[in-house]
């Protein structure tokens, strides 16, 4: 069944229970030959989660700990969303799914991009296990551009992060777009001062509303 991948509407579940699917994902070695640190898929998911956060890829700390967003980027994301660590790491309330499930290693200017095989291989099956009326946060340009192509049919060249952070309405009222909360986001926010004044309060309100609806 065709569906909007950002919302999950109309997706048909495939392949048994969520627990079985998560075991399958966590055992994945599909990209092992391309991962210098070795494969270690890192994600969090529960069928009752009212919020889905689609990020980039685990960093070195998350690779070592197996805990998603366990670094300063995660601290900043929790501040933007006003989610406590207790709520953020409760899979019954919050699902955490990166574009690439394994730490890709480092390149000349920081972490390498998420492996491109992960999202086509796993995302639709995982989305099918979640609540169809959840709130989805697309965090960073990799998540935005992938789902802009999947859900809106737009090529990456036509997708500017700032435009969709400011107005994510093309995805519907159950999606918000955020910049990636890495240390580089400080520079991005200085160039877009409206983000903290306008968008952060909206995201926090949407997150709180989604949790109340659960």
N, C-alpha and C. Protein backbone atom coordinates (compact mmCIF):
# COMPACT_ATOMS: atom_id res chain seq x y z
N UNK A 1 0.85 -1.19 0.00
CA UNK A 1 0.00 0.00 0.00
C UNK A 1 0.88 1.24 0.00
N UNK A 2 0.61 2.20 -0.87
CA UNK A 2 1.38 3.44 -0.90
C UNK A 2 1.03 4.29 0.31
N UNK A 3 2.02 5.13 0.74
CA UNK A 3 1.79 5.93 1.93
C UNK A 3 2.71 7.13 1.96
N UNK A 4 2.35 8.09 2.80
CA UNK A 4 3.23 9.20 3.12
C UNK A 4 4.24 8.69 4.14
N UNK A 5 5.53 8.53 3.79
CA UNK A 5 6.48 7.96 4.72
C UNK A 5 6.70 8.80 5.96
N UNK A 6 6.47 10.11 5.90
CA UNK A 6 6.69 10.94 7.07
C UNK A 6 5.61 10.74 8.13
N UNK A 7 4.39 10.38 7.70
CA UNK A 7 3.31 10.22 8.65
C UNK A 7 2.93 8.77 8.86
N UNK A 8 3.27 7.90 7.92
CA UNK A 8 2.89 6.51 8.03
C UNK A 8 1.48 6.22 7.59
N UNK A 9 0.74 7.20 7.14
CA UNK A 9 -0.65 6.95 6.77
C UNK A 9 -0.72 5.99 5.59
N UNK A 10 -1.48 4.93 5.77
CA UNK A 10 -1.69 3.99 4.69
C UNK A 10 -0.61 2.92 4.56
N UNK A 11 0.40 2.97 5.40
CA UNK A 11 1.45 1.96 5.30
C UNK A 11 0.93 0.64 5.84
N UNK A 12 1.25 -0.44 5.17
CA UNK A 12 0.88 -1.77 5.64
C UNK A 12 2.08 -2.40 6.35
N UNK A 13 1.88 -2.86 7.56
CA UNK A 13 2.97 -3.48 8.32
C UNK A 13 3.46 -4.72 7.61
N UNK A 14 4.75 -4.95 7.68
CA UNK A 14 5.33 -6.12 7.04
C UNK A 14 6.27 -6.82 8.01
N UNK A 15 6.19 -8.13 8.06
CA UNK A 15 7.22 -8.89 8.75
C UNK A 15 7.04 -9.05 10.23
N UNK A 16 5.82 -9.32 10.74
CA UNK A 16 5.67 -9.72 12.12
C UNK A 16 5.67 -8.56 13.10
N UNK A 17 6.00 -8.89 14.36
CA UNK A 17 5.88 -7.92 15.44
C UNK A 17 7.03 -6.93 15.41
N UNK A 18 6.82 -5.82 16.13
CA UNK A 18 7.87 -4.81 16.22
C UNK A 18 9.10 -5.37 16.91
N UNK A 19 8.93 -6.15 17.95
CA UNK A 19 10.09 -6.72 18.65
C UNK A 19 10.94 -7.56 17.69
N UNK A 20 10.28 -8.36 16.88
CA UNK A 20 11.02 -9.18 15.92
C UNK A 20 11.72 -8.30 14.89
N UNK A 21 11.05 -7.25 14.45
CA UNK A 21 11.65 -6.35 13.48
C UNK A 21 12.86 -5.63 14.08
N UNK A 22 12.76 -5.19 15.32
CA UNK A 22 13.89 -4.52 15.97
C UNK A 22 15.07 -5.46 16.13
N UNK A 23 14.81 -6.71 16.43
CA UNK A 23 15.92 -7.68 16.50
C UNK A 23 16.59 -7.82 15.14
N UNK A 24 15.79 -7.80 14.10
CA UNK A 24 16.32 -7.90 12.74
C UNK A 24 17.18 -6.68 12.40
N UNK A 25 16.68 -5.50 12.75
CA UNK A 25 17.44 -4.27 12.48
C UNK A 25 18.75 -4.28 13.25
N UNK A 26 18.70 -4.62 14.52
CA UNK A 26 19.89 -4.56 15.37
C UNK A 26 20.93 -5.61 15.00
N UNK A 27 20.52 -6.62 14.26
CA UNK A 27 21.46 -7.64 13.79
C UNK A 27 21.98 -7.33 12.39
N UNK A 28 21.56 -6.21 11.81
CA UNK A 28 21.90 -5.90 10.43
C UNK A 28 23.40 -5.65 10.26
N UNK A 29 23.97 -6.26 9.22
CA UNK A 29 25.37 -6.03 8.85
C UNK A 29 25.47 -5.64 7.37
N UNK A 30 24.38 -5.11 6.84
CA UNK A 30 24.30 -4.84 5.41
C UNK A 30 25.43 -3.94 4.91
N UNK A 31 25.82 -2.96 5.73
CA UNK A 31 26.83 -1.98 5.32
C UNK A 31 28.19 -2.22 5.98
N UNK A 32 28.38 -3.40 6.55
CA UNK A 32 29.59 -3.64 7.35
C UNK A 32 30.87 -3.32 6.60
N UNK A 33 30.92 -3.60 5.32
CA UNK A 33 32.14 -3.37 4.55
C UNK A 33 32.48 -1.90 4.43
N UNK A 34 31.49 -1.02 4.68
CA UNK A 34 31.70 0.42 4.56
C UNK A 34 31.86 1.11 5.91
N UNK A 35 31.81 0.37 6.99
CA UNK A 35 31.83 0.95 8.33
C UNK A 35 33.12 0.60 9.04
N UNK A 36 34.04 1.55 9.06
CA UNK A 36 35.31 1.28 9.74
C UNK A 36 35.12 0.97 11.22
N UNK A 37 34.19 1.66 11.94
CA UNK A 37 33.99 1.31 13.34
C UNK A 37 33.26 -0.02 13.54
N UNK A 38 32.71 -0.58 12.48
CA UNK A 38 31.92 -1.80 12.57
C UNK A 38 30.45 -1.49 12.75
N UNK A 39 29.57 -2.42 12.39
CA UNK A 39 28.13 -2.17 12.51
C UNK A 39 27.65 -2.25 13.95
N UNK A 40 26.86 -1.29 14.35
CA UNK A 40 26.13 -1.32 15.62
C UNK A 40 24.90 -0.43 15.48
N UNK A 41 23.82 -0.97 14.93
CA UNK A 41 22.61 -0.16 14.76
C UNK A 41 22.10 0.38 16.09
N UNK A 42 21.80 1.67 16.12
CA UNK A 42 21.35 2.35 17.33
C UNK A 42 20.01 3.02 17.03
N UNK A 43 18.97 2.59 17.72
CA UNK A 43 17.65 3.20 17.56
C UNK A 43 16.82 2.87 18.78
N UNK A 44 15.66 3.51 18.87
CA UNK A 44 14.73 3.28 19.98
C UNK A 44 13.32 3.36 19.41
N UNK A 45 12.48 2.40 19.77
CA UNK A 45 11.14 2.41 19.19
C UNK A 45 10.18 1.60 20.03
N UNK A 46 8.97 2.11 20.16
CA UNK A 46 7.87 1.40 20.79
C UNK A 46 6.60 1.65 20.02
N UNK A 47 5.72 0.69 19.95
CA UNK A 47 4.51 0.80 19.12
C UNK A 47 3.57 1.88 19.60
N UNK A 48 3.67 2.30 20.87
CA UNK A 48 2.75 3.32 21.39
C UNK A 48 3.34 4.73 21.32
N UNK A 49 4.55 4.88 20.80
CA UNK A 49 5.21 6.19 20.79
C UNK A 49 4.37 7.24 20.06
N UNK A 50 4.22 8.39 20.69
CA UNK A 50 3.45 9.48 20.09
C UNK A 50 4.34 10.46 19.33
N UNK A 51 5.65 10.32 19.51
CA UNK A 51 6.61 11.21 18.85
C UNK A 51 7.67 10.36 18.17
N UNK A 52 7.98 10.68 16.94
CA UNK A 52 9.06 10.05 16.19
C UNK A 52 10.08 11.11 15.83
N UNK A 53 11.33 10.89 16.20
CA UNK A 53 12.41 11.79 15.84
C UNK A 53 13.31 11.08 14.84
N UNK A 54 13.38 11.61 13.63
CA UNK A 54 14.23 11.03 12.59
C UNK A 54 15.47 11.91 12.46
N UNK A 55 16.61 11.39 12.88
CA UNK A 55 17.84 12.14 12.89
C UNK A 55 18.78 11.75 11.77
N UNK A 56 20.07 11.89 12.02
CA UNK A 56 21.07 11.69 10.99
C UNK A 56 21.71 10.31 11.10
N UNK A 57 22.62 10.14 12.04
CA UNK A 57 23.27 8.87 12.31
C UNK A 57 23.90 8.98 13.69
N UNK A 58 24.06 7.87 14.39
CA UNK A 58 24.71 7.95 15.70
C UNK A 58 26.14 8.45 15.58
N UNK A 59 26.57 9.20 16.58
CA UNK A 59 27.96 9.64 16.64
C UNK A 59 28.82 8.63 17.38
N UNK A 60 30.06 9.00 17.63
CA UNK A 60 31.00 8.08 18.27
C UNK A 60 30.52 7.68 19.66
N UNK A 61 29.97 8.64 20.41
CA UNK A 61 29.52 8.32 21.77
C UNK A 61 28.34 7.37 21.75
N UNK A 62 27.39 7.63 20.85
CA UNK A 62 26.23 6.73 20.75
C UNK A 62 26.66 5.35 20.27
N UNK A 63 27.64 5.29 19.38
CA UNK A 63 28.16 3.99 18.93
C UNK A 63 28.75 3.23 20.10
N UNK A 64 29.48 3.93 20.96
CA UNK A 64 30.13 3.26 22.09
C UNK A 64 29.12 2.81 23.13
N UNK A 65 28.10 3.63 23.38
CA UNK A 65 27.14 3.34 24.45
C UNK A 65 25.93 2.54 23.99
N UNK A 66 25.61 2.64 22.69
CA UNK A 66 24.38 2.04 22.20
C UNK A 66 23.15 2.87 22.52
N UNK A 67 23.34 4.09 23.02
CA UNK A 67 22.23 4.96 23.41
C UNK A 67 22.15 6.12 22.42
N UNK A 68 21.04 6.28 21.71
CA UNK A 68 20.95 7.35 20.72
C UNK A 68 20.97 8.73 21.36
N UNK A 69 21.57 9.67 20.64
CA UNK A 69 21.60 11.07 21.08
C UNK A 69 22.24 11.24 22.46
N UNK A 70 23.24 10.41 22.79
CA UNK A 70 23.89 10.50 24.09
C UNK A 70 25.15 11.36 23.99
N UNK A 71 24.95 12.62 23.61
CA UNK A 71 26.05 13.54 23.38
C UNK A 71 25.51 14.97 23.44
N UNK A 72 26.37 15.99 23.29
CA UNK A 72 25.88 17.37 23.36
C UNK A 72 24.78 17.70 22.34
N UNK A 73 24.81 17.05 21.17
CA UNK A 73 23.72 17.26 20.21
C UNK A 73 22.39 16.82 20.81
N UNK A 74 22.40 15.71 21.51
CA UNK A 74 21.19 15.24 22.17
C UNK A 74 20.72 16.19 23.26
N UNK A 75 21.68 16.76 23.99
CA UNK A 75 21.30 17.75 25.02
C UNK A 75 20.59 18.94 24.38
N UNK A 76 21.12 19.41 23.25
CA UNK A 76 20.51 20.55 22.57
C UNK A 76 19.14 20.18 22.02
N UNK A 77 19.00 18.99 21.46
CA UNK A 77 17.71 18.55 20.93
C UNK A 77 16.68 18.45 22.05
N UNK A 78 17.08 17.92 23.20
CA UNK A 78 16.15 17.83 24.32
C UNK A 78 15.75 19.22 24.82
N UNK A 79 16.67 20.18 24.73
CA UNK A 79 16.31 21.55 25.10
C UNK A 79 15.32 22.13 24.10
N UNK A 80 15.56 21.94 22.81
CA UNK A 80 14.64 22.47 21.80
C UNK A 80 13.23 21.91 21.96
N UNK A 81 13.13 20.64 22.33
CA UNK A 81 11.84 19.97 22.41
C UNK A 81 11.24 20.01 23.82
N UNK A 82 12.02 20.49 24.80
CA UNK A 82 11.59 20.51 26.20
C UNK A 82 11.24 19.11 26.70
N UNK A 83 11.96 18.11 26.19
CA UNK A 83 11.77 16.74 26.65
C UNK A 83 12.81 16.41 27.71
N UNK A 84 12.35 15.91 28.85
CA UNK A 84 13.30 15.45 29.86
C UNK A 84 13.98 14.18 29.35
N UNK A 85 15.13 13.86 29.93
CA UNK A 85 15.81 12.62 29.54
C UNK A 85 14.92 11.41 29.81
N UNK A 86 14.16 11.46 30.90
CA UNK A 86 13.27 10.33 31.23
C UNK A 86 12.25 10.09 30.13
N UNK A 87 11.63 11.17 29.66
CA UNK A 87 10.64 11.02 28.59
C UNK A 87 11.30 10.69 27.26
N UNK A 88 12.39 11.38 26.96
CA UNK A 88 13.09 11.18 25.69
C UNK A 88 13.50 9.73 25.50
N UNK A 89 13.95 9.10 26.57
CA UNK A 89 14.42 7.72 26.47
C UNK A 89 13.38 6.68 26.87
N UNK A 90 12.11 7.07 26.80
CA UNK A 90 11.02 6.13 27.05
C UNK A 90 10.46 5.70 25.70
N UNK A 91 10.75 4.48 25.23
CA UNK A 91 10.30 4.06 23.89
C UNK A 91 8.78 3.98 23.77
N UNK A 92 8.08 3.92 24.90
CA UNK A 92 6.62 3.92 24.82
C UNK A 92 6.08 5.28 24.43
N UNK A 93 6.93 6.32 24.56
CA UNK A 93 6.48 7.68 24.24
C UNK A 93 7.25 8.31 23.07
N UNK A 94 8.53 7.98 22.94
CA UNK A 94 9.36 8.61 21.92
C UNK A 94 10.13 7.55 21.15
N UNK A 95 10.00 7.58 19.83
CA UNK A 95 10.78 6.70 18.94
C UNK A 95 11.91 7.52 18.34
N UNK A 96 13.10 6.92 18.28
CA UNK A 96 14.30 7.58 17.76
C UNK A 96 14.85 6.73 16.63
N UNK A 97 14.75 7.25 15.41
CA UNK A 97 15.14 6.50 14.22
C UNK A 97 16.05 7.35 13.34
N UNK A 98 17.31 7.00 13.19
CA UNK A 98 18.20 7.80 12.35
C UNK A 98 18.07 7.44 10.88
N UNK A 99 18.63 8.29 10.03
CA UNK A 99 18.69 7.98 8.61
C UNK A 99 19.66 6.83 8.34
N UNK A 100 20.74 6.80 9.09
CA UNK A 100 21.67 5.68 9.05
C UNK A 100 21.79 5.13 10.46
N UNK A 101 21.59 3.85 10.64
CA UNK A 101 21.51 3.29 11.99
C UNK A 101 22.86 3.11 12.65
N UNK A 102 23.93 3.07 11.89
CA UNK A 102 25.27 2.83 12.44
C UNK A 102 26.14 4.08 12.33
N UNK A 103 27.07 4.21 13.24
CA UNK A 103 28.05 5.29 13.19
C UNK A 103 28.89 5.13 11.93
N UNK A 104 28.91 6.14 11.06
CA UNK A 104 29.59 5.99 9.78
C UNK A 104 31.09 6.22 9.82
N UNK A 105 31.60 6.68 10.96
CA UNK A 105 33.02 7.02 11.05
C UNK A 105 33.26 8.47 10.71
N UNK A 106 34.52 8.88 10.68
CA UNK A 106 34.84 10.28 10.46
C UNK A 106 35.55 10.48 9.13
N UNK A 107 35.35 11.68 8.59
CA UNK A 107 36.04 12.08 7.37
C UNK A 107 36.89 13.30 7.64
N UNK A 108 37.20 14.03 6.60
CA UNK A 108 38.10 15.18 6.72
C UNK A 108 37.51 16.31 7.53
N UNK A 109 36.18 16.45 7.52
CA UNK A 109 35.55 17.59 8.19
C UNK A 109 34.53 17.17 9.23
N UNK A 110 34.69 16.00 9.81
CA UNK A 110 33.74 15.53 10.82
C UNK A 110 33.18 14.17 10.46
N UNK A 111 32.07 13.81 11.08
CA UNK A 111 31.45 12.53 10.80
C UNK A 111 31.04 12.42 9.33
N UNK A 112 31.20 11.22 8.79
CA UNK A 112 30.76 10.96 7.43
C UNK A 112 29.23 10.99 7.35
N UNK A 113 28.66 11.13 6.17
CA UNK A 113 27.20 11.09 6.03
C UNK A 113 26.64 9.73 6.44
N UNK A 114 25.37 9.69 6.82
CA UNK A 114 24.75 8.39 7.12
C UNK A 114 24.77 7.50 5.88
N UNK A 115 24.93 6.22 6.10
CA UNK A 115 24.92 5.29 4.98
C UNK A 115 23.57 5.36 4.26
N UNK A 116 23.58 5.45 2.93
CA UNK A 116 22.33 5.65 2.19
C UNK A 116 21.46 4.40 2.10
N UNK A 117 22.01 3.24 2.46
CA UNK A 117 21.24 2.00 2.33
C UNK A 117 20.17 1.86 3.42
N UNK A 118 20.40 2.46 4.59
CA UNK A 118 19.56 2.17 5.76
C UNK A 118 18.10 2.56 5.57
N UNK A 119 17.87 3.82 5.21
CA UNK A 119 16.49 4.29 5.16
C UNK A 119 15.64 3.50 4.17
N UNK A 120 16.10 3.27 2.93
CA UNK A 120 15.27 2.46 2.03
C UNK A 120 15.07 1.03 2.52
N UNK A 121 16.05 0.52 3.25
CA UNK A 121 15.98 -0.87 3.70
C UNK A 121 15.01 -1.06 4.86
N UNK A 122 14.94 -0.08 5.78
CA UNK A 122 14.25 -0.30 7.04
C UNK A 122 13.12 0.68 7.37
N UNK A 123 13.19 1.90 6.89
CA UNK A 123 12.28 2.91 7.42
C UNK A 123 10.80 2.57 7.24
N UNK A 124 10.40 2.17 6.06
CA UNK A 124 8.97 1.93 5.84
C UNK A 124 8.44 0.84 6.77
N UNK A 125 9.23 -0.19 6.97
CA UNK A 125 8.78 -1.29 7.86
C UNK A 125 8.65 -0.81 9.30
N UNK A 126 9.58 0.03 9.74
CA UNK A 126 9.50 0.55 11.10
C UNK A 126 8.36 1.54 11.26
N UNK A 127 8.18 2.40 10.27
CA UNK A 127 7.09 3.37 10.33
C UNK A 127 5.73 2.68 10.42
N UNK A 128 5.61 1.55 9.77
CA UNK A 128 4.33 0.83 9.77
C UNK A 128 3.95 0.32 11.14
N UNK A 129 4.93 0.21 12.04
CA UNK A 129 4.66 -0.29 13.38
C UNK A 129 4.27 0.82 14.36
N UNK A 130 4.34 2.08 13.93
CA UNK A 130 4.08 3.20 14.83
C UNK A 130 2.65 3.73 14.69
N UNK A 131 2.26 4.56 15.65
CA UNK A 131 0.94 5.19 15.62
C UNK A 131 0.81 6.08 14.38
N UNK A 132 -0.25 5.96 13.62
CA UNK A 132 -0.36 6.75 12.38
C UNK A 132 -0.54 8.25 12.62
N UNK A 133 -1.00 8.64 13.81
CA UNK A 133 -1.23 10.06 14.07
C UNK A 133 -0.15 10.66 14.96
N UNK A 134 1.02 10.06 14.95
CA UNK A 134 2.14 10.56 15.76
C UNK A 134 2.63 11.91 15.23
N UNK A 135 3.42 12.59 16.05
CA UNK A 135 4.17 13.77 15.62
C UNK A 135 5.54 13.31 15.16
N UNK A 136 5.97 13.75 13.98
CA UNK A 136 7.28 13.40 13.44
C UNK A 136 8.15 14.65 13.39
N UNK A 137 9.37 14.55 13.94
CA UNK A 137 10.36 15.60 13.84
C UNK A 137 11.45 15.15 12.89
N UNK A 138 11.61 15.87 11.79
CA UNK A 138 12.69 15.62 10.83
C UNK A 138 13.86 16.51 11.22
N UNK A 139 14.93 15.90 11.67
CA UNK A 139 16.04 16.66 12.26
C UNK A 139 17.24 16.63 11.32
N UNK A 140 17.54 17.77 10.73
CA UNK A 140 18.69 17.90 9.85
C UNK A 140 18.36 17.71 8.39
N UNK A 141 19.31 18.09 7.55
CA UNK A 141 19.06 18.11 6.11
C UNK A 141 18.95 16.72 5.50
N UNK A 142 19.63 15.71 6.05
CA UNK A 142 19.52 14.38 5.46
C UNK A 142 18.11 13.83 5.60
N UNK A 143 17.53 13.96 6.79
CA UNK A 143 16.16 13.50 6.99
C UNK A 143 15.18 14.31 6.16
N UNK A 144 15.36 15.63 6.16
CA UNK A 144 14.45 16.49 5.40
C UNK A 144 14.47 16.14 3.92
N UNK A 145 15.64 16.06 3.32
CA UNK A 145 15.73 15.85 1.88
C UNK A 145 15.22 14.46 1.48
N UNK A 146 15.48 13.46 2.30
CA UNK A 146 14.98 12.12 1.98
C UNK A 146 13.45 12.10 1.98
N UNK A 147 12.85 12.70 3.02
CA UNK A 147 11.39 12.66 3.11
C UNK A 147 10.72 13.69 2.22
N UNK A 148 11.43 14.74 1.85
CA UNK A 148 10.88 15.65 0.84
C UNK A 148 10.76 14.94 -0.50
N UNK A 149 11.73 14.09 -0.80
CA UNK A 149 11.65 13.30 -2.04
C UNK A 149 10.56 12.24 -1.93
N UNK A 150 10.54 11.51 -0.81
CA UNK A 150 9.59 10.41 -0.66
C UNK A 150 8.14 10.90 -0.56
N UNK A 151 7.92 11.93 0.25
CA UNK A 151 6.55 12.36 0.53
C UNK A 151 6.07 13.46 -0.40
N UNK A 152 7.00 14.30 -0.89
CA UNK A 152 6.59 15.45 -1.69
C UNK A 152 7.06 15.39 -3.14
N UNK A 153 7.92 14.43 -3.45
CA UNK A 153 8.43 14.29 -4.81
C UNK A 153 9.41 15.37 -5.21
N UNK A 154 10.09 15.98 -4.23
CA UNK A 154 11.01 17.08 -4.53
C UNK A 154 12.45 16.60 -4.57
N UNK A 155 13.23 17.01 -5.57
CA UNK A 155 14.66 16.68 -5.59
C UNK A 155 15.40 17.48 -4.52
N UNK A 156 16.54 16.95 -4.07
CA UNK A 156 17.30 17.59 -3.00
C UNK A 156 17.67 19.02 -3.34
N UNK A 157 17.91 19.29 -4.62
CA UNK A 157 18.34 20.63 -5.04
C UNK A 157 17.27 21.68 -4.80
N UNK A 158 16.02 21.26 -4.60
CA UNK A 158 14.93 22.21 -4.40
C UNK A 158 14.51 22.31 -2.94
N UNK A 159 15.29 21.70 -2.04
CA UNK A 159 14.92 21.66 -0.63
C UNK A 159 15.94 22.45 0.20
N UNK A 160 15.53 23.60 0.70
CA UNK A 160 16.39 24.42 1.56
C UNK A 160 15.95 24.22 3.00
N UNK A 161 16.87 23.84 3.86
CA UNK A 161 16.54 23.52 5.25
C UNK A 161 15.80 24.67 5.93
N UNK A 162 16.30 25.89 5.81
CA UNK A 162 15.69 27.01 6.52
C UNK A 162 14.23 27.20 6.13
N UNK A 163 13.91 26.99 4.85
CA UNK A 163 12.53 27.17 4.41
C UNK A 163 11.59 26.21 5.13
N UNK A 164 12.02 24.96 5.31
CA UNK A 164 11.14 23.95 5.91
C UNK A 164 11.17 24.00 7.42
N UNK A 165 12.27 24.50 8.00
CA UNK A 165 12.27 24.74 9.45
C UNK A 165 11.24 25.82 9.77
N UNK A 166 11.22 26.86 8.96
CA UNK A 166 10.30 27.97 9.21
C UNK A 166 8.85 27.58 8.92
N UNK A 167 8.64 26.76 7.91
CA UNK A 167 7.28 26.36 7.55
C UNK A 167 7.31 24.94 7.01
N UNK A 168 6.94 23.99 7.86
CA UNK A 168 6.93 22.58 7.46
C UNK A 168 5.55 22.14 7.00
N UNK A 169 4.69 23.09 6.69
CA UNK A 169 3.30 22.77 6.37
C UNK A 169 3.11 21.88 5.17
N UNK A 170 4.09 21.83 4.27
CA UNK A 170 3.95 20.95 3.10
C UNK A 170 3.83 19.49 3.51
N UNK A 171 4.36 19.16 4.68
CA UNK A 171 4.28 17.78 5.18
C UNK A 171 3.00 17.51 5.96
N UNK A 172 2.23 18.53 6.26
CA UNK A 172 1.05 18.37 7.09
C UNK A 172 1.30 18.86 8.50
N UNK A 173 0.25 18.89 9.30
CA UNK A 173 0.35 19.49 10.63
C UNK A 173 0.96 18.57 11.68
N UNK A 174 1.33 17.33 11.30
CA UNK A 174 1.93 16.40 12.26
C UNK A 174 3.42 16.23 12.03
N UNK A 175 4.04 17.16 11.33
CA UNK A 175 5.48 17.11 11.05
C UNK A 175 6.09 18.47 11.37
N UNK A 176 7.25 18.46 12.01
CA UNK A 176 8.05 19.66 12.21
C UNK A 176 9.47 19.36 11.72
N UNK A 177 10.14 20.38 11.20
CA UNK A 177 11.50 20.23 10.70
C UNK A 177 12.44 21.06 11.58
N UNK A 178 13.55 20.47 11.97
CA UNK A 178 14.55 21.13 12.80
C UNK A 178 15.92 21.05 12.15
N UNK A 179 16.79 22.02 12.39
CA UNK A 179 18.19 21.85 11.98
C UNK A 179 18.83 20.77 12.83
N UNK A 180 19.94 20.23 12.37
CA UNK A 180 20.63 19.25 13.20
C UNK A 180 21.26 19.98 14.39
N UNK A 181 21.11 19.45 15.60
CA UNK A 181 21.56 20.18 16.79
C UNK A 181 23.05 19.98 17.13
N UNK A 182 23.89 19.83 16.14
CA UNK A 182 25.32 19.70 16.38
C UNK A 182 25.90 21.05 16.78
N UNK A 183 27.17 21.08 17.10
CA UNK A 183 27.81 22.34 17.46
C UNK A 183 27.70 23.37 16.34
N UNK A 184 27.58 22.90 15.10
CA UNK A 184 27.45 23.82 13.98
C UNK A 184 26.13 24.58 14.00
N UNK A 185 25.14 24.07 14.75
CA UNK A 185 23.84 24.74 14.76
C UNK A 185 23.92 26.13 15.37
N UNK A 186 24.94 26.40 16.21
CA UNK A 186 25.10 27.74 16.76
C UNK A 186 25.28 28.76 15.67
N UNK A 187 26.10 28.43 14.68
CA UNK A 187 26.30 29.33 13.53
C UNK A 187 25.01 29.47 12.74
N UNK A 188 24.32 28.35 12.52
CA UNK A 188 23.06 28.38 11.77
C UNK A 188 22.04 29.27 12.48
N UNK A 189 21.94 29.15 13.80
CA UNK A 189 20.94 29.93 14.53
C UNK A 189 21.27 31.42 14.53
N UNK A 190 22.56 31.75 14.55
CA UNK A 190 22.91 33.17 14.47
C UNK A 190 22.49 33.77 13.13
N UNK A 191 22.51 32.96 12.10
CA UNK A 191 22.06 33.42 10.79
C UNK A 191 20.56 33.39 10.62
N UNK A 192 19.86 32.72 11.54
CA UNK A 192 18.40 32.59 11.47
C UNK A 192 17.83 32.85 12.86
N UNK A 193 17.87 34.09 13.31
CA UNK A 193 17.48 34.40 14.69
C UNK A 193 16.01 34.10 15.00
N UNK A 194 15.20 33.97 13.98
CA UNK A 194 13.79 33.65 14.20
C UNK A 194 13.59 32.24 14.72
N UNK A 195 14.61 31.36 14.57
CA UNK A 195 14.42 29.96 14.95
C UNK A 195 14.07 29.83 16.42
N UNK A 196 14.89 30.38 17.29
CA UNK A 196 14.63 30.23 18.73
C UNK A 196 13.40 31.03 19.16
N UNK A 197 13.16 32.15 18.51
CA UNK A 197 12.03 32.99 18.91
C UNK A 197 10.69 32.44 18.44
N UNK A 198 10.67 31.84 17.23
CA UNK A 198 9.41 31.42 16.62
C UNK A 198 9.22 29.91 16.59
N UNK A 199 10.25 29.20 16.14
CA UNK A 199 10.06 27.79 15.86
C UNK A 199 10.20 26.92 17.10
N UNK A 200 11.16 27.23 17.98
CA UNK A 200 11.33 26.40 19.18
C UNK A 200 10.05 26.38 20.02
N UNK A 201 9.40 27.51 20.29
CA UNK A 201 8.13 27.44 21.03
C UNK A 201 7.07 26.59 20.34
N UNK A 202 7.00 26.68 19.01
CA UNK A 202 6.03 25.88 18.27
C UNK A 202 6.33 24.39 18.40
N UNK A 203 7.60 24.03 18.28
CA UNK A 203 7.99 22.62 18.40
C UNK A 203 7.67 22.12 19.80
N UNK A 204 8.01 22.90 20.81
CA UNK A 204 7.72 22.48 22.18
C UNK A 204 6.22 22.28 22.40
N UNK A 205 5.40 23.19 21.86
CA UNK A 205 3.95 23.05 22.00
C UNK A 205 3.45 21.79 21.28
N UNK A 206 4.00 21.52 20.08
CA UNK A 206 3.57 20.33 19.33
C UNK A 206 3.96 19.06 20.07
N UNK A 207 5.17 19.05 20.65
CA UNK A 207 5.63 17.88 21.39
C UNK A 207 4.76 17.66 22.63
N UNK A 208 4.49 18.71 23.36
CA UNK A 208 3.65 18.58 24.55
C UNK A 208 2.25 18.09 24.18
N UNK A 209 1.70 18.61 23.08
CA UNK A 209 0.38 18.17 22.64
C UNK A 209 0.36 16.71 22.24
N UNK A 210 1.42 16.27 21.56
CA UNK A 210 1.48 14.87 21.16
C UNK A 210 1.55 13.95 22.36
N UNK A 211 2.30 14.34 23.38
CA UNK A 211 2.39 13.51 24.59
C UNK A 211 1.05 13.46 25.32
N UNK A 212 0.34 14.59 25.35
CA UNK A 212 -0.97 14.60 26.03
C UNK A 212 -1.97 13.72 25.31
N UNK A 213 -1.83 13.56 24.01
CA UNK A 213 -2.80 12.77 23.25
C UNK A 213 -2.58 11.27 23.40
N UNK A 214 -1.46 10.87 24.00
CA UNK A 214 -1.15 9.45 24.13
C UNK A 214 -1.88 8.77 25.27
